[in-house]
Amino acid sequence: MADEALEDALYDSQTLRDFVFRHKKVRYRGLAKNTAQLFSLFGLANMVIAKKPLLALHVRGAS
């Protein structure tokens, strides 16, 4: 900018500081919810891992 006083006024303004240093408040959803999601994820993973041998036993038993 050509005018240093204008530039200083711009950078000293509260609006610019709010824009540069803004933050967004977020809610903490809690450790219990995170734990429940992890248990669900690992439970589903265990079912996927166990499915293949169980299907092999079922097919072998039907023959």
Protein backbone atom coordinates (compact mmCIF):
# COMPACT_ATOMS: atom_id res chain seq x y z
CA MET A 1 0.00 0.00 0.00
CA ALA A 2 1.17 3.50 -0.68
CA ASP A 3 -0.06 5.07 2.56
CA GLU A 4 1.74 3.61 5.59
CA ALA A 5 -0.76 5.08 8.05
CA LEU A 6 -3.61 3.35 6.21
CA GLU A 7 -1.68 0.09 6.16
CA ASP A 8 -0.97 0.33 9.91
CA ALA A 9 -4.61 1.09 10.61
CA LEU A 10 -5.67 -1.93 8.57
CA TYR A 11 -3.34 -4.31 10.37
CA ASP A 12 -4.26 -2.88 13.77
CA SER A 13 -7.98 -3.30 13.21
CA GLN A 14 -9.90 -5.71 15.41
CA THR A 15 -11.67 -7.20 12.40
CA LEU A 16 -8.43 -8.29 10.78
CA ARG A 17 -7.14 -9.77 14.04
CA ASP A 18 -10.40 -11.66 14.49
CA PHE A 19 -10.09 -13.02 10.95
CA VAL A 20 -6.47 -14.11 11.31
CA PHE A 21 -6.73 -15.57 14.81
CA ARG A 22 -10.25 -16.95 14.63
CA HIS A 23 -11.08 -20.35 15.98
CA LYS A 24 -14.13 -22.54 15.86
CA LYS A 25 -15.63 -23.93 19.01
CA VAL A 26 -16.39 -27.61 18.80
CA ARG A 27 -18.28 -29.83 21.17
CA TYR A 28 -16.49 -32.63 22.96
CA ARG A 29 -18.55 -35.71 22.30
CA GLY A 30 -17.06 -37.76 25.06
CA LEU A 31 -14.80 -40.68 25.60
CA ALA A 32 -17.71 -43.08 26.06
CA LYS A 33 -18.94 -42.50 22.51
CA ASN A 34 -15.44 -42.94 21.08
CA THR A 35 -15.03 -46.16 23.06
CA ALA A 36 -18.37 -47.50 21.81
CA GLN A 37 -17.37 -46.78 18.22
CA LEU A 38 -14.07 -48.60 18.68
CA PHE A 39 -15.75 -51.65 20.20
CA SER A 40 -18.20 -51.73 17.27
CA LEU A 41 -15.39 -51.42 14.75
CA PHE A 42 -13.33 -54.21 16.28
CA GLY A 43 -16.41 -56.40 16.69
CA LEU A 44 -17.23 -56.07 13.01
CA ALA A 45 -13.61 -56.74 12.07
CA ASN A 46 -13.66 -59.94 14.16
CA MET A 47 -16.83 -61.10 12.40
CA VAL A 48 -15.28 -60.51 8.98
CA ILE A 49 -12.15 -62.42 9.98
CA ALA A 50 -14.16 -65.33 11.43
CA LYS A 51 -16.60 -65.55 8.50
CA LYS A 52 -14.31 -67.34 6.05
CA PRO A 53 -13.45 -70.39 8.23
CA LEU A 54 -17.07 -70.71 9.34
CA LEU A 55 -18.30 -70.71 5.74
CA ALA A 56 -15.70 -73.36 4.86
CA LEU A 57 -16.98 -75.59 7.68
CA HIS A 58 -20.57 -75.09 6.55
CA VAL A 59 -19.80 -76.01 2.93
CA ARG A 60 -17.73 -79.04 3.95
CA GLY A 61 -20.48 -80.29 6.26
CA ALA A 62 -23.18 -80.01 3.57
CA SER A 63 -21.30 -82.25 1.09
